[in-house]
Amino acid sequence: MYGKHPNCGYIYSDRKKFKDDEAIDFKDAENSSRGECSSNVLKSTIIQTYYLKLFQHAPTSAISFRRKYLETILPVPYLEDWRIRADDCLTCGAALTGIQRIKLRGNAINYRIHSNNNFAYQLLDAKKRKKDYGKEYKRRVALNRFAALICKRMGYDLLLFLEIIKDEFRAIDQPSWRDFWTYLSIAFWSDIPFIRRARNVYLVVEYMFFRGNSIK
């Protein structure tokens, strides 16, 4: 896959989660079409990640990095912030440094979740899933601090981000509806003069409905 896409910095996949007392079924992984890409090939989302700081893509076990691109993120500071959900800083850092990514079709990974895993085991049972707002708050603060450091390291002009939000959206070959609403909201609520903000909103809408090869 890297040979076909030399500009790709990392590849990731969905995964099939199973408990530690379940048998492993490799059929999904074997039939996951590892040589095929999903939509949004070589998608880059620097601005989206900076403003929303959402979890990106996949956990570490489902990601493959090219070393030269991984070195743009490492070393990771504030190690205490990442003892849980260490994949946050890697995927967020990859997006903020502009590393282009490819997602494989299907579930290429079988992901075992042990019953003594206090965080991940809840993901398998919706009834046991509880929202810990204290942990989520700390996580968002940690991501905010990490994003600020990466942006400083990269020398970004953060004010320029608000002006070119529509350009990042229009660089996506096949924007999804989630992409559309995400970029539209950032453009609409941006703190720039009304005329320029309205122009960004218009160009996001125009691309989605009239020019992009959108996933409808």
N, C-alpha and C. Protein backbone atom coordinates (compact mmCIF):
# COMPACT_ATOMS: atom_id res chain seq x y z
N MET A 1 0.81 -1.21 0.00
CA MET A 1 0.00 0.00 0.00
C MET A 1 0.85 1.27 0.00
N TYR A 2 1.92 1.25 0.80
CA TYR A 2 2.82 2.41 0.81
C TYR A 2 3.47 2.61 -0.56
N GLY A 3 3.74 1.50 -1.24
CA GLY A 3 4.34 1.60 -2.57
C GLY A 3 3.43 2.27 -3.56
N LYS A 4 2.12 2.02 -3.44
CA LYS A 4 1.15 2.64 -4.35
C LYS A 4 0.93 4.11 -4.02
N HIS A 5 1.13 4.47 -2.77
CA HIS A 5 0.86 5.84 -2.31
C HIS A 5 2.08 6.38 -1.56
N PRO A 6 3.09 6.86 -2.28
CA PRO A 6 4.33 7.30 -1.64
C PRO A 6 4.16 8.49 -0.71
N ASN A 7 3.08 9.27 -0.88
CA ASN A 7 2.85 10.42 0.00
C ASN A 7 2.09 10.06 1.26
N CYS A 8 1.73 8.81 1.39
CA CYS A 8 0.98 8.36 2.56
C CYS A 8 1.91 8.20 3.75
N GLY A 9 1.53 8.80 4.89
CA GLY A 9 2.36 8.71 6.10
C GLY A 9 1.97 7.57 7.01
N TYR A 10 0.68 7.22 7.02
CA TYR A 10 0.29 6.06 7.80
C TYR A 10 -1.02 5.46 7.29
N ILE A 11 -1.19 4.20 7.62
CA ILE A 11 -2.34 3.41 7.17
C ILE A 11 -3.05 2.90 8.42
N TYR A 12 -4.38 2.91 8.38
CA TYR A 12 -5.12 2.39 9.52
C TYR A 12 -6.32 1.59 9.06
N SER A 13 -6.92 0.88 9.99
CA SER A 13 -8.01 -0.02 9.66
C SER A 13 -9.03 -0.05 10.80
N ASP A 14 -10.24 -0.45 10.48
CA ASP A 14 -11.21 -0.79 11.52
C ASP A 14 -10.77 -2.09 12.17
N ARG A 15 -11.37 -2.42 13.31
CA ARG A 15 -11.01 -3.66 14.00
C ARG A 15 -12.24 -4.33 14.54
N LYS A 16 -12.15 -5.63 14.71
CA LYS A 16 -13.22 -6.40 15.31
C LYS A 16 -12.86 -6.69 16.75
N LYS A 17 -13.67 -6.19 17.69
CA LYS A 17 -13.39 -6.35 19.11
C LYS A 17 -14.01 -7.65 19.64
N PHE A 18 -13.29 -8.35 20.52
CA PHE A 18 -13.83 -9.55 21.14
C PHE A 18 -13.27 -9.69 22.55
N LYS A 19 -14.00 -10.40 23.40
CA LYS A 19 -13.62 -10.56 24.80
C LYS A 19 -12.57 -11.66 24.96
N ASP A 20 -11.96 -11.70 26.14
CA ASP A 20 -10.87 -12.66 26.33
C ASP A 20 -11.35 -14.10 26.46
N ASP A 21 -12.66 -14.30 26.63
CA ASP A 21 -13.16 -15.66 26.70
C ASP A 21 -13.82 -16.11 25.39
N GLU A 22 -13.65 -15.33 24.35
CA GLU A 22 -14.21 -15.66 23.05
C GLU A 22 -13.14 -16.25 22.14
N ALA A 23 -13.56 -17.14 21.26
CA ALA A 23 -12.63 -17.71 20.27
C ALA A 23 -12.31 -16.66 19.22
N ILE A 24 -11.10 -16.76 18.66
CA ILE A 24 -10.68 -15.82 17.64
C ILE A 24 -11.13 -16.31 16.27
N ASP A 25 -11.75 -15.41 15.52
CA ASP A 25 -12.19 -15.73 14.17
C ASP A 25 -11.44 -14.81 13.21
N PHE A 26 -10.58 -15.41 12.39
CA PHE A 26 -9.73 -14.61 11.51
C PHE A 26 -10.37 -14.34 10.15
N LYS A 27 -11.59 -14.79 9.94
CA LYS A 27 -12.20 -14.65 8.61
C LYS A 27 -12.34 -13.20 8.19
N ASP A 28 -12.79 -12.34 9.11
CA ASP A 28 -12.96 -10.94 8.77
C ASP A 28 -11.65 -10.30 8.36
N ALA A 29 -10.59 -10.61 9.13
CA ALA A 29 -9.29 -10.02 8.82
C ALA A 29 -8.77 -10.53 7.48
N GLU A 30 -8.98 -11.83 7.22
CA GLU A 30 -8.50 -12.41 5.97
C GLU A 30 -9.26 -11.87 4.76
N ASN A 31 -10.53 -11.51 4.98
CA ASN A 31 -11.36 -11.02 3.88
C ASN A 31 -11.53 -9.51 3.88
N SER A 32 -10.60 -8.81 4.49
CA SER A 32 -10.78 -7.37 4.67
C SER A 32 -10.29 -6.54 3.49
N SER A 33 -9.87 -7.20 2.42
CA SER A 33 -9.39 -6.48 1.23
C SER A 33 -8.29 -5.50 1.61
N ARG A 34 -7.22 -6.04 2.14
CA ARG A 34 -6.15 -5.17 2.64
C ARG A 34 -5.50 -4.33 1.55
N GLY A 35 -5.65 -4.74 0.33
CA GLY A 35 -5.05 -3.97 -0.75
C GLY A 35 -5.93 -2.85 -1.25
N GLU A 36 -7.14 -2.72 -0.67
CA GLU A 36 -8.07 -1.70 -1.13
C GLU A 36 -8.20 -0.59 -0.10
N CYS A 37 -8.42 0.63 -0.60
CA CYS A 37 -8.59 1.78 0.26
C CYS A 37 -10.06 2.13 0.39
N SER A 38 -10.40 2.74 1.51
CA SER A 38 -11.73 3.29 1.64
C SER A 38 -11.74 4.66 0.98
N SER A 39 -12.80 5.42 1.17
CA SER A 39 -12.86 6.78 0.64
C SER A 39 -11.91 7.69 1.41
N ASN A 40 -11.82 8.92 1.00
CA ASN A 40 -10.97 9.93 1.65
C ASN A 40 -9.49 9.53 1.63
N VAL A 41 -9.04 9.01 0.52
CA VAL A 41 -7.64 8.63 0.39
C VAL A 41 -6.75 9.87 0.52
N LEU A 42 -5.69 9.73 1.29
CA LEU A 42 -4.73 10.81 1.51
C LEU A 42 -5.41 12.08 2.04
N LYS A 43 -6.36 11.89 2.93
CA LYS A 43 -7.05 13.01 3.53
C LYS A 43 -6.18 13.66 4.60
N SER A 44 -6.16 14.99 4.63
CA SER A 44 -5.41 15.72 5.63
C SER A 44 -6.35 16.71 6.32
N THR A 45 -6.34 16.74 7.65
CA THR A 45 -7.32 17.53 8.39
C THR A 45 -6.66 18.32 9.51
N ILE A 46 -5.70 19.15 9.17
CA ILE A 46 -4.98 19.92 10.18
C ILE A 46 -5.91 20.87 10.92
N ILE A 47 -6.69 21.64 10.16
CA ILE A 47 -7.53 22.68 10.77
C ILE A 47 -8.66 22.05 11.57
N GLN A 48 -9.30 21.04 11.01
CA GLN A 48 -10.39 20.37 11.72
C GLN A 48 -9.91 19.83 13.07
N THR A 49 -8.74 19.21 13.06
CA THR A 49 -8.20 18.62 14.29
C THR A 49 -7.86 19.68 15.31
N TYR A 50 -7.30 20.80 14.85
CA TYR A 50 -6.91 21.86 15.79
C TYR A 50 -8.13 22.41 16.53
N TYR A 51 -9.22 22.61 15.82
CA TYR A 51 -10.38 23.24 16.45
C TYR A 51 -11.25 22.26 17.24
N LEU A 52 -11.37 21.05 16.80
CA LEU A 52 -12.27 20.11 17.47
C LEU A 52 -11.56 19.14 18.39
N LYS A 53 -10.31 18.81 18.05
CA LYS A 53 -9.50 17.89 18.87
C LYS A 53 -10.25 16.60 19.18
N LEU A 54 -10.86 16.04 18.15
CA LEU A 54 -11.57 14.78 18.29
C LEU A 54 -10.61 13.62 18.12
N PHE A 55 -11.01 12.47 18.66
CA PHE A 55 -10.20 11.27 18.45
C PHE A 55 -10.21 10.93 16.96
N GLN A 56 -9.06 10.64 16.43
CA GLN A 56 -8.92 10.38 15.00
C GLN A 56 -8.63 8.91 14.73
N HIS A 57 -9.37 8.36 13.84
CA HIS A 57 -9.00 7.15 13.10
C HIS A 57 -9.02 5.84 13.86
N ALA A 58 -7.96 5.45 14.57
CA ALA A 58 -7.89 4.10 15.13
C ALA A 58 -6.89 4.06 16.28
N PRO A 59 -6.99 3.04 17.15
CA PRO A 59 -6.00 2.89 18.22
C PRO A 59 -4.66 2.42 17.67
N THR A 60 -3.66 2.42 18.50
CA THR A 60 -2.29 2.13 18.03
C THR A 60 -2.16 0.76 17.40
N SER A 61 -2.93 -0.22 17.88
CA SER A 61 -2.81 -1.58 17.34
C SER A 61 -3.33 -1.69 15.91
N ALA A 62 -4.06 -0.68 15.44
CA ALA A 62 -4.61 -0.73 14.08
C ALA A 62 -3.99 0.32 13.18
N ILE A 63 -2.81 0.82 13.54
CA ILE A 63 -2.14 1.87 12.77
C ILE A 63 -0.73 1.41 12.37
N SER A 64 -0.35 1.74 11.15
CA SER A 64 1.01 1.53 10.68
C SER A 64 1.57 2.87 10.23
N PHE A 65 2.71 3.30 10.79
CA PHE A 65 3.34 4.57 10.45
C PHE A 65 4.60 4.35 9.62
N ARG A 66 4.85 5.24 8.69
CA ARG A 66 6.20 5.35 8.13
C ARG A 66 7.07 6.04 9.19
N ARG A 67 8.26 5.55 9.36
CA ARG A 67 9.11 6.07 10.43
C ARG A 67 9.39 7.57 10.29
N LYS A 68 9.68 8.02 9.08
CA LYS A 68 10.05 9.43 8.91
C LYS A 68 8.90 10.37 9.28
N TYR A 69 7.67 9.90 9.13
CA TYR A 69 6.53 10.72 9.50
C TYR A 69 6.27 10.64 11.00
N LEU A 70 6.47 9.47 11.58
CA LEU A 70 6.28 9.33 13.01
C LEU A 70 7.26 10.21 13.78
N GLU A 71 8.44 10.41 13.21
CA GLU A 71 9.45 11.24 13.87
C GLU A 71 9.08 12.71 13.91
N THR A 72 8.09 13.13 13.12
CA THR A 72 7.62 14.52 13.19
C THR A 72 6.75 14.73 14.42
N ILE A 73 6.25 13.65 15.02
CA ILE A 73 5.42 13.74 16.22
C ILE A 73 6.24 13.50 17.48
N LEU A 74 7.12 12.52 17.42
CA LEU A 74 7.94 12.16 18.58
C LEU A 74 9.13 13.09 18.73
N PRO A 75 9.64 13.29 19.94
CA PRO A 75 9.13 12.72 21.20
C PRO A 75 7.86 13.41 21.66
N VAL A 76 7.02 12.66 22.34
CA VAL A 76 5.76 13.19 22.85
C VAL A 76 5.99 13.77 24.25
N PRO A 77 5.61 15.01 24.49
CA PRO A 77 5.79 15.61 25.83
C PRO A 77 4.65 15.24 26.77
N TYR A 78 4.80 15.63 28.02
CA TYR A 78 3.75 15.45 29.03
C TYR A 78 3.27 13.99 29.08
N LEU A 79 4.20 13.08 29.34
CA LEU A 79 3.89 11.65 29.27
C LEU A 79 2.77 11.24 30.23
N GLU A 80 2.64 11.93 31.35
CA GLU A 80 1.59 11.59 32.30
C GLU A 80 0.19 11.76 31.70
N ASP A 81 0.07 12.62 30.69
CA ASP A 81 -1.23 12.84 30.05
C ASP A 81 -1.69 11.63 29.24
N TRP A 82 -0.76 10.73 28.90
CA TRP A 82 -1.08 9.69 27.91
C TRP A 82 -0.94 8.28 28.45
N ARG A 83 -1.03 8.11 29.76
CA ARG A 83 -0.97 6.76 30.33
C ARG A 83 -2.22 5.96 29.95
N ILE A 84 -3.32 6.65 29.72
CA ILE A 84 -4.53 6.05 29.19
C ILE A 84 -4.84 6.75 27.88
N ARG A 85 -5.22 5.99 26.86
CA ARG A 85 -5.52 6.53 25.53
C ARG A 85 -4.30 7.20 24.91
N ALA A 86 -3.18 6.48 24.93
CA ALA A 86 -1.96 7.02 24.33
C ALA A 86 -2.11 7.22 22.83
N ASP A 87 -3.08 6.52 22.22
CA ASP A 87 -3.29 6.69 20.78
C ASP A 87 -3.81 8.08 20.45
N ASP A 88 -4.39 8.80 21.42
CA ASP A 88 -4.88 10.15 21.17
C ASP A 88 -3.77 11.07 20.66
N CYS A 89 -2.62 11.04 21.33
CA CYS A 89 -1.56 11.97 20.96
C CYS A 89 -0.95 11.60 19.61
N LEU A 90 -0.89 10.30 19.29
CA LEU A 90 -0.33 9.89 18.01
C LEU A 90 -1.23 10.28 16.84
N THR A 91 -2.53 9.98 16.96
CA THR A 91 -3.43 10.27 15.86
C THR A 91 -3.69 11.77 15.73
N CYS A 92 -3.82 12.45 16.87
CA CYS A 92 -3.99 13.90 16.83
C CYS A 92 -2.73 14.57 16.28
N GLY A 93 -1.56 14.10 16.73
CA GLY A 93 -0.32 14.66 16.24
C GLY A 93 -0.12 14.42 14.76
N ALA A 94 -0.50 13.23 14.29
CA ALA A 94 -0.39 12.93 12.86
C ALA A 94 -1.25 13.88 12.04
N ALA A 95 -2.48 14.13 12.53
CA ALA A 95 -3.37 15.03 11.79
C ALA A 95 -2.84 16.46 11.82
N LEU A 96 -2.32 16.91 12.95
CA LEU A 96 -1.85 18.28 13.08
C LEU A 96 -0.57 18.55 12.29
N THR A 97 0.25 17.54 12.10
CA THR A 97 1.47 17.73 11.31
C THR A 97 1.22 17.54 9.82
N GLY A 98 -0.03 17.24 9.47
CA GLY A 98 -0.39 17.13 8.05
C GLY A 98 -0.03 15.82 7.41
N ILE A 99 0.21 14.79 8.22
CA ILE A 99 0.53 13.48 7.67
C ILE A 99 -0.71 12.93 6.97
N GLN A 100 -0.55 12.56 5.71
CA GLN A 100 -1.68 12.05 4.95
C GLN A 100 -1.88 10.57 5.26
N ARG A 101 -3.14 10.13 5.28
CA ARG A 101 -3.46 8.80 5.73
C ARG A 101 -4.37 8.06 4.75
N ILE A 102 -4.36 6.76 4.89
CA ILE A 102 -5.23 5.90 4.09
C ILE A 102 -5.91 4.91 5.02
N LYS A 103 -7.19 4.69 4.81
CA LYS A 103 -7.92 3.69 5.58
C LYS A 103 -8.19 2.48 4.71
N LEU A 104 -7.86 1.29 5.24
CA LEU A 104 -8.14 0.05 4.53
C LEU A 104 -9.62 -0.31 4.68
N ARG A 105 -10.13 -1.01 3.70
CA ARG A 105 -11.50 -1.49 3.79
C ARG A 105 -11.59 -2.68 4.75
N GLY A 106 -12.69 -2.76 5.47
CA GLY A 106 -12.94 -3.92 6.32
C GLY A 106 -12.19 -3.89 7.64
N ASN A 107 -12.27 -5.01 8.36
CA ASN A 107 -11.61 -5.16 9.66
C ASN A 107 -10.33 -5.97 9.48
N ALA A 108 -9.22 -5.28 9.38
CA ALA A 108 -7.94 -5.98 9.20
C ALA A 108 -7.35 -6.43 10.53
N ILE A 109 -7.94 -6.01 11.65
CA ILE A 109 -7.39 -6.30 12.97
C ILE A 109 -8.44 -6.99 13.84
N ASN A 110 -8.03 -8.06 14.54
CA ASN A 110 -8.83 -8.64 15.62
C ASN A 110 -8.28 -8.07 16.92
N TYR A 111 -9.13 -7.41 17.70
CA TYR A 111 -8.69 -6.66 18.86
C TYR A 111 -9.27 -7.27 20.13
N ARG A 112 -8.43 -7.97 20.91
CA ARG A 112 -8.88 -8.61 22.13
C ARG A 112 -8.94 -7.59 23.27
N ILE A 113 -10.07 -7.57 23.97
CA ILE A 113 -10.24 -6.69 25.13
C ILE A 113 -10.38 -7.56 26.38
N HIS A 114 -9.43 -7.44 27.28
CA HIS A 114 -9.43 -8.26 28.48
C HIS A 114 -10.44 -7.76 29.50
N SER A 115 -10.98 -8.68 30.27
CA SER A 115 -12.04 -8.33 31.23
C SER A 115 -11.54 -7.43 32.35
N ASN A 116 -10.22 -7.41 32.60
CA ASN A 116 -9.69 -6.55 33.65
C ASN A 116 -9.25 -5.19 33.11
N ASN A 117 -9.60 -4.91 31.86
CA ASN A 117 -9.31 -3.60 31.28
C ASN A 117 -10.46 -2.66 31.64
N ASN A 118 -10.22 -1.79 32.61
CA ASN A 118 -11.29 -0.94 33.14
C ASN A 118 -11.83 0.05 32.12
N PHE A 119 -11.00 0.41 31.15
CA PHE A 119 -11.45 1.40 30.16
C PHE A 119 -12.10 0.74 28.95
N ALA A 120 -11.36 -0.15 28.30
CA ALA A 120 -11.83 -0.69 27.02
C ALA A 120 -12.94 -1.71 27.15
N TYR A 121 -12.99 -2.43 28.28
CA TYR A 121 -13.98 -3.50 28.40
C TYR A 121 -15.40 -2.97 28.36
N GLN A 122 -15.60 -1.76 28.82
CA GLN A 122 -16.93 -1.16 28.80
C GLN A 122 -17.43 -0.92 27.38
N LEU A 123 -16.52 -0.81 26.43
CA LEU A 123 -16.91 -0.56 25.05
C LEU A 123 -17.69 -1.73 24.45
N LEU A 124 -17.53 -2.92 25.01
CA LEU A 124 -18.20 -4.10 24.48
C LEU A 124 -19.62 -4.25 25.01
N ASP A 125 -19.93 -3.55 26.08
CA ASP A 125 -21.24 -3.68 26.71
C ASP A 125 -21.83 -2.30 26.93
N ALA A 126 -22.84 -1.97 26.13
CA ALA A 126 -23.44 -0.64 26.22
C ALA A 126 -24.05 -0.38 27.59
N LYS A 127 -24.53 -1.44 28.27
CA LYS A 127 -25.16 -1.28 29.57
C LYS A 127 -24.15 -0.87 30.64
N LYS A 128 -22.89 -1.28 30.46
CA LYS A 128 -21.85 -0.94 31.42
C LYS A 128 -21.11 0.34 31.05
N ARG A 129 -21.43 0.88 29.91
CA ARG A 129 -20.71 2.07 29.42
C ARG A 129 -21.17 3.30 30.19
N LYS A 130 -20.24 3.92 30.88
CA LYS A 130 -20.57 5.11 31.66
C LYS A 130 -19.67 6.27 31.22
N LYS A 131 -20.25 7.43 31.16
CA LYS A 131 -19.50 8.61 30.77
C LYS A 131 -18.84 9.22 32.00
N ASP A 132 -17.52 9.26 32.00
CA ASP A 132 -16.78 9.88 33.09
C ASP A 132 -16.39 11.27 32.64
N TYR A 133 -17.17 12.26 33.06
CA TYR A 133 -16.94 13.62 32.58
C TYR A 133 -15.65 14.21 33.11
N GLY A 134 -15.22 13.76 34.29
CA GLY A 134 -13.95 14.24 34.81
C GLY A 134 -12.79 13.82 33.96
N LYS A 135 -12.77 12.53 33.56
CA LYS A 135 -11.70 12.03 32.70
C LYS A 135 -11.76 12.67 31.33
N GLU A 136 -12.97 12.84 30.80
CA GLU A 136 -13.11 13.46 29.48
C GLU A 136 -12.60 14.90 29.50
N TYR A 137 -12.89 15.61 30.59
CA TYR A 137 -12.40 16.98 30.72
C TYR A 137 -10.87 17.02 30.72
N LYS A 138 -10.26 16.15 31.51
CA LYS A 138 -8.79 16.10 31.57
C LYS A 138 -8.21 15.73 30.21
N ARG A 139 -8.89 14.82 29.51
CA ARG A 139 -8.41 14.41 28.19
C ARG A 139 -8.43 15.58 27.22
N ARG A 140 -9.52 16.35 27.23
CA ARG A 140 -9.62 17.48 26.30
C ARG A 140 -8.59 18.56 26.63
N VAL A 141 -8.33 18.78 27.92
CA VAL A 141 -7.30 19.73 28.32
C VAL A 141 -5.93 19.27 27.84
N ALA A 142 -5.67 17.95 28.00
CA ALA A 142 -4.38 17.41 27.56
C ALA A 142 -4.22 17.54 26.05
N LEU A 143 -5.29 17.27 25.30
CA LEU A 143 -5.23 17.41 23.84
C LEU A 143 -5.03 18.87 23.44
N ASN A 144 -5.65 19.78 24.18
CA ASN A 144 -5.49 21.20 23.88
C ASN A 144 -4.04 21.63 24.06
N ARG A 145 -3.43 21.20 25.16
CA ARG A 145 -2.03 21.55 25.42
C ARG A 145 -1.11 20.92 24.38
N PHE A 146 -1.39 19.67 24.04
CA PHE A 146 -0.57 18.98 23.04
C PHE A 146 -0.71 19.63 21.67
N ALA A 147 -1.94 19.99 21.28
CA ALA A 147 -2.17 20.62 19.98
C ALA A 147 -1.46 21.96 19.89
N ALA A 148 -1.50 22.74 20.98
CA ALA A 148 -0.82 24.04 20.99
C ALA A 148 0.68 23.87 20.79
N LEU A 149 1.25 22.84 21.42
CA LEU A 149 2.69 22.59 21.29
C LEU A 149 3.05 22.18 19.87
N ILE A 150 2.26 21.27 19.29
CA ILE A 150 2.54 20.81 17.93
C ILE A 150 2.43 21.97 16.94
N CYS A 151 1.40 22.80 17.09
CA CYS A 151 1.22 23.94 16.18
C CYS A 151 2.38 24.92 16.30
N LYS A 152 2.88 25.11 17.51
CA LYS A 152 4.04 25.98 17.71
C LYS A 152 5.27 25.37 17.07
N ARG A 153 5.44 24.06 17.23
CA ARG A 153 6.58 23.36 16.64
C ARG A 153 6.55 23.46 15.11
N MET A 154 5.34 23.40 14.54
CA MET A 154 5.19 23.45 13.08
C MET A 154 5.22 24.88 12.54
N GLY A 155 5.13 25.88 13.43
CA GLY A 155 5.18 27.27 12.99
C GLY A 155 3.92 27.74 12.30
N TYR A 156 2.75 27.21 12.70
CA TYR A 156 1.50 27.58 12.06
C TYR A 156 1.05 28.99 12.47
N ASP A 157 0.43 29.69 11.54
CA ASP A 157 -0.26 30.93 11.81
C ASP A 157 -1.72 30.57 12.08
N LEU A 158 -2.13 30.54 13.33
CA LEU A 158 -3.45 30.06 13.69
C LEU A 158 -4.56 30.96 13.17
N LEU A 159 -4.28 32.25 13.01
CA LEU A 159 -5.29 33.15 12.45
C LEU A 159 -5.59 32.81 11.00
N LEU A 160 -4.57 32.32 10.29
CA LEU A 160 -4.77 31.95 8.90
C LEU A 160 -5.71 30.75 8.78
N PHE A 161 -5.71 29.88 9.76
CA PHE A 161 -6.59 28.71 9.72
C PHE A 161 -8.04 29.09 9.46
N LEU A 162 -8.49 30.16 10.11
CA LEU A 162 -9.88 30.57 9.96
C LEU A 162 -10.19 31.07 8.56
N GLU A 163 -9.19 31.57 7.87
CA GLU A 163 -9.39 32.07 6.51
C GLU A 163 -9.41 30.95 5.48
N ILE A 164 -8.70 29.87 5.76
CA ILE A 164 -8.54 28.83 4.73
C ILE A 164 -9.26 27.54 5.09
N ILE A 165 -10.20 27.60 6.02
CA ILE A 165 -10.93 26.40 6.40
C ILE A 165 -11.63 25.77 5.20
N LYS A 166 -12.15 26.62 4.30
CA LYS A 166 -12.87 26.08 3.13
C LYS A 166 -11.91 25.40 2.17
N ASP A 167 -10.64 25.81 2.17
CA ASP A 167 -9.65 25.19 1.28
C ASP A 167 -9.31 23.78 1.72
N GLU A 168 -9.22 23.58 3.04
CA GLU A 168 -8.96 22.23 3.52
C GLU A 168 -10.12 21.31 3.19
N PHE A 169 -11.34 21.81 3.34
CA PHE A 169 -12.51 20.98 3.01
C PHE A 169 -12.52 20.63 1.53
N ARG A 170 -12.21 21.59 0.69
CA ARG A 170 -12.26 21.35 -0.76
C ARG A 170 -11.08 20.51 -1.25
N ALA A 171 -10.12 20.26 -0.38
CA ALA A 171 -9.01 19.36 -0.74
C ALA A 171 -9.38 17.90 -0.53
N ILE A 172 -10.54 17.65 0.08
CA ILE A 172 -11.01 16.28 0.29
C ILE A 172 -11.76 15.83 -0.96
N ASP A 173 -11.28 14.75 -1.59
CA ASP A 173 -11.89 14.30 -2.85
C ASP A 173 -13.32 13.83 -2.66
N GLN A 174 -13.57 13.12 -1.58
CA GLN A 174 -14.89 12.56 -1.34
C GLN A 174 -15.37 12.90 0.06
N PRO A 175 -15.80 14.12 0.29
CA PRO A 175 -16.24 14.50 1.64
C PRO A 175 -17.50 13.76 2.04
N SER A 176 -17.54 13.31 3.28
CA SER A 176 -18.74 12.68 3.82
C SER A 176 -19.65 13.75 4.40
N TRP A 177 -20.86 13.33 4.79
CA TRP A 177 -21.76 14.29 5.43
C TRP A 177 -21.18 14.77 6.75
N ARG A 178 -20.49 13.89 7.44
CA ARG A 178 -19.85 14.31 8.69
C ARG A 178 -18.80 15.37 8.43
N ASP A 179 -18.00 15.17 7.38
CA ASP A 179 -17.01 16.19 6.99
C ASP A 179 -17.71 17.52 6.72
N PHE A 180 -18.78 17.45 5.96
CA PHE A 180 -19.50 18.67 5.56
C PHE A 180 -19.98 19.46 6.78
N TRP A 181 -20.69 18.79 7.68
CA TRP A 181 -21.23 19.50 8.84
C TRP A 181 -20.12 19.98 9.77
N THR A 182 -19.03 19.27 9.84
CA THR A 182 -17.91 19.68 10.68
C THR A 182 -17.29 20.98 10.16
N TYR A 183 -16.96 20.98 8.88
CA TYR A 183 -16.32 22.18 8.31
C TYR A 183 -17.29 23.35 8.22
N LEU A 184 -18.55 23.05 7.96
CA LEU A 184 -19.54 24.13 7.90
C LEU A 184 -19.67 24.81 9.26
N SER A 185 -19.69 24.04 10.33
CA SER A 185 -19.83 24.64 11.66
C SER A 185 -18.60 25.46 12.05
N ILE A 186 -17.40 24.97 11.70
CA ILE A 186 -16.19 25.73 11.99
C ILE A 186 -16.19 27.04 11.22
N ALA A 187 -16.56 26.96 9.93
CA ALA A 187 -16.60 28.17 9.11
C ALA A 187 -17.64 29.16 9.62
N PHE A 188 -18.80 28.66 10.02
CA PHE A 188 -19.89 29.54 10.45
C PHE A 188 -19.57 30.25 11.75
N TRP A 189 -18.95 29.55 12.70
CA TRP A 189 -18.69 30.12 14.01
C TRP A 189 -17.32 30.76 14.14
N SER A 190 -16.56 30.83 13.07
CA SER A 190 -15.22 31.39 13.14
C SER A 190 -15.26 32.89 13.47
N ASP A 191 -14.24 33.33 14.16
CA ASP A 191 -14.18 34.72 14.61
C ASP A 191 -13.43 35.59 13.60
N ILE A 192 -14.03 35.76 12.43
CA ILE A 192 -13.50 36.63 11.38
C ILE A 192 -14.62 37.53 10.89
N PRO A 193 -14.31 38.60 10.16
CA PRO A 193 -15.37 39.49 9.66
C PRO A 193 -16.46 38.74 8.91
N PHE A 194 -17.68 39.25 9.01
CA PHE A 194 -18.86 38.55 8.49
C PHE A 194 -18.74 38.21 7.01
N ILE A 195 -18.25 39.12 6.20
CA ILE A 195 -18.18 38.89 4.75
C ILE A 195 -17.28 37.70 4.44
N ARG A 196 -16.12 37.63 5.09
CA ARG A 196 -15.20 36.52 4.83
C ARG A 196 -15.76 35.21 5.40
N ARG A 197 -16.45 35.31 6.53
CA ARG A 197 -17.07 34.12 7.11
C ARG A 197 -18.17 33.59 6.19
N ALA A 198 -18.99 34.50 5.64
CA ALA A 198 -20.06 34.08 4.74
C ALA A 198 -19.49 33.45 3.47
N ARG A 199 -18.39 33.98 3.00
CA ARG A 199 -17.76 33.43 1.80
C ARG A 199 -17.27 32.01 2.07
N ASN A 200 -16.67 31.77 3.23
CA ASN A 200 -16.22 30.42 3.57
C ASN A 200 -17.38 29.45 3.63
N VAL A 201 -18.47 29.87 4.25
CA VAL A 201 -19.65 29.02 4.35
C VAL A 201 -20.18 28.68 2.96
N TYR A 202 -20.28 29.70 2.11
CA TYR A 202 -20.79 29.49 0.76
C TYR A 202 -19.92 28.51 -0.02
N LEU A 203 -18.60 28.64 0.08
CA LEU A 203 -17.70 27.78 -0.68
C LEU A 203 -17.72 26.34 -0.17
N VAL A 204 -17.91 26.15 1.13
CA VAL A 204 -18.06 24.80 1.67
C VAL A 204 -19.33 24.15 1.11
N VAL A 205 -20.43 24.89 1.12
CA VAL A 205 -21.70 24.37 0.61
C VAL A 205 -21.61 24.09 -0.89
N GLU A 206 -21.01 25.02 -1.63
CA GLU A 206 -20.90 24.86 -3.08
C GLU A 206 -20.11 23.59 -3.43
N TYR A 207 -19.00 23.39 -2.73
CA TYR A 207 -18.18 22.22 -3.05
C TYR A 207 -18.91 20.93 -2.73
N MET A 208 -19.60 20.90 -1.61
CA MET A 208 -20.28 19.67 -1.20
C MET A 208 -21.36 19.28 -2.19
N PHE A 209 -22.13 20.24 -2.65
CA PHE A 209 -23.31 19.92 -3.46
C PHE A 209 -23.09 20.00 -4.97
N PHE A 210 -22.06 20.72 -5.40
CA PHE A 210 -21.93 20.94 -6.84
C PHE A 210 -20.60 20.54 -7.45
N ARG A 211 -19.54 20.41 -6.63
CA ARG A 211 -18.24 20.15 -7.23
C ARG A 211 -17.54 18.92 -6.70
N GLY A 212 -17.69 18.61 -5.44
CA GLY A 212 -17.00 17.45 -4.87
C GLY A 212 -17.67 16.15 -5.26
N ASN A 213 -16.88 15.09 -5.26
CA ASN A 213 -17.44 13.75 -5.50
C ASN A 213 -17.95 13.20 -4.18
N SER A 214 -18.98 13.85 -3.66
CA SER A 214 -19.42 13.61 -2.30
C SER A 214 -20.03 12.22 -2.13
N ILE A 215 -19.91 11.72 -0.92
CA ILE A 215 -20.57 10.47 -0.56
C ILE A 215 -21.97 10.83 -0.09
N LYS A 216 -22.94 10.65 -0.90
CA LYS A 216 -24.32 11.07 -0.60
C LYS A 216 -25.09 9.94 0.04
